[in-house]
Amino acid sequence: MVHLKPIKTDPSHTLEEYSTRLATLTPGFSGADIANLCNESAIMAARKNKLFVETIDFELASERIIAGLEKKRMLTDDEKKIIAV
């Protein structure tokens, strides 16, 4: 609840509903990790020009934080051979 207060969330849901959803998305997260997730979800909503943060933004932010950014590096032929063997 502490990290959700500064974020403008969808008024059709209560902060308790958001905090319950965040609890299911973030098992084992520290307070700093949850704050990072809330900030990342606000950034994702802002990039899409949304007026408020929705549940989907929290879910996408959790995937991004847990899995990290996608790597775009191409493998060399030698690396491909090593992996294949």
Protein backbone atom coordinates (compact mmCIF):
# COMPACT_ATOMS: atom_id res chain seq x y z
CA MET A 1 0.00 0.00 0.00
CA VAL A 2 2.88 2.36 0.80
CA HIS A 3 4.36 2.16 -2.69
CA LEU A 4 0.97 2.42 -4.41
CA LYS A 5 -0.10 5.70 -2.80
CA PRO A 6 1.97 8.05 -5.01
CA ILE A 7 0.84 6.29 -8.19
CA LYS A 8 -2.33 7.36 -9.97
CA THR A 9 -4.23 4.09 -10.37
CA ASP A 10 -7.43 3.14 -12.14
CA PRO A 11 -10.33 4.52 -10.04
CA SER A 12 -12.50 1.50 -10.81
CA HIS A 13 -10.30 -0.57 -8.43
CA THR A 14 -9.35 0.10 -4.82
CA LEU A 15 -5.81 0.25 -3.48
CA GLU A 16 -6.56 -2.93 -1.53
CA GLU A 17 -7.31 -4.76 -4.79
CA TYR A 18 -4.07 -3.50 -6.31
CA SER A 19 -2.06 -4.44 -3.22
CA THR A 20 -3.55 -7.95 -3.25
CA ARG A 21 -2.63 -8.35 -6.92
CA LEU A 22 0.88 -7.05 -6.29
CA ALA A 23 1.28 -9.55 -3.45
CA THR A 24 0.51 -12.41 -5.83
CA LEU A 25 2.86 -11.03 -8.50
CA THR A 26 5.80 -10.44 -6.18
CA PRO A 27 6.49 -13.39 -3.86
CA GLY A 28 9.80 -12.89 -2.08
CA PHE A 29 10.26 -9.30 -3.24
CA SER A 30 11.73 -6.75 -0.86
CA GLY A 31 10.18 -3.33 -0.34
CA ALA A 32 12.69 -1.83 -2.76
CA ASP A 33 11.77 -4.42 -5.40
CA ILE A 34 8.08 -3.59 -5.01
CA ALA A 35 8.83 0.14 -5.24
CA ASN A 36 10.81 -0.55 -8.43
CA LEU A 37 7.88 -2.53 -9.85
CA CYS A 38 5.44 0.29 -9.06
CA ASN A 39 7.73 2.85 -10.69
CA GLU A 40 8.26 0.64 -13.74
CA SER A 41 4.51 0.16 -14.16
CA ALA A 42 3.99 3.93 -13.98
CA ILE A 43 6.68 4.42 -16.64
CA MET A 44 5.04 1.81 -18.89
CA ALA A 45 1.64 3.49 -18.52
CA ALA A 46 3.16 6.90 -19.27
CA ARG A 47 4.80 5.57 -22.44
CA LYS A 48 1.36 4.51 -23.66
CA ASN A 49 -0.09 7.96 -22.74
CA LYS A 50 -2.49 6.46 -20.22
CA LEU A 51 -4.10 8.66 -17.59
CA PHE A 52 -3.60 6.09 -14.85
CA VAL A 53 -1.84 2.79 -14.15
CA GLU A 54 -3.88 -0.34 -14.76
CA THR A 55 -3.44 -3.92 -13.59
CA ILE A 56 -1.92 -4.97 -16.91
CA ASP A 57 0.85 -2.40 -16.42
CA PHE A 58 1.78 -4.02 -13.10
CA GLU A 59 1.82 -7.45 -14.72
CA LEU A 60 4.01 -6.33 -17.62
CA ALA A 61 6.36 -4.53 -15.24
CA SER A 62 6.71 -7.65 -13.10
CA GLU A 63 7.64 -9.70 -16.16
CA ARG A 64 10.19 -7.09 -17.17
CA ILE A 65 11.73 -6.95 -13.70
CA ILE A 66 11.81 -10.71 -13.16
CA ALA A 67 13.01 -11.70 -16.65
CA GLY A 68 14.96 -8.56 -17.50
CA LEU A 69 15.25 -6.86 -20.85
CA GLU A 70 15.38 -8.95 -23.99
CA LYS A 71 18.86 -9.48 -25.33
CA LYS A 72 19.32 -8.67 -29.02
CA ARG A 73 22.85 -10.08 -29.36
CA MET A 74 23.46 -12.38 -32.31
CA LEU A 75 25.50 -15.55 -31.85
CA THR A 76 28.63 -16.12 -33.89
CA ASP A 77 29.04 -19.31 -35.90
CA ASP A 78 31.50 -20.66 -33.33
CA GLU A 79 29.05 -20.03 -30.49
CA LYS A 80 26.27 -21.75 -32.42
CA LYS A 81 28.51 -24.79 -32.97
CA ILE A 82 29.40 -24.98 -29.27
CA ILE A 83 25.74 -24.78 -28.26
CA ALA A 84 24.74 -27.43 -30.82
CA VAL A 85 27.37 -29.86 -29.60
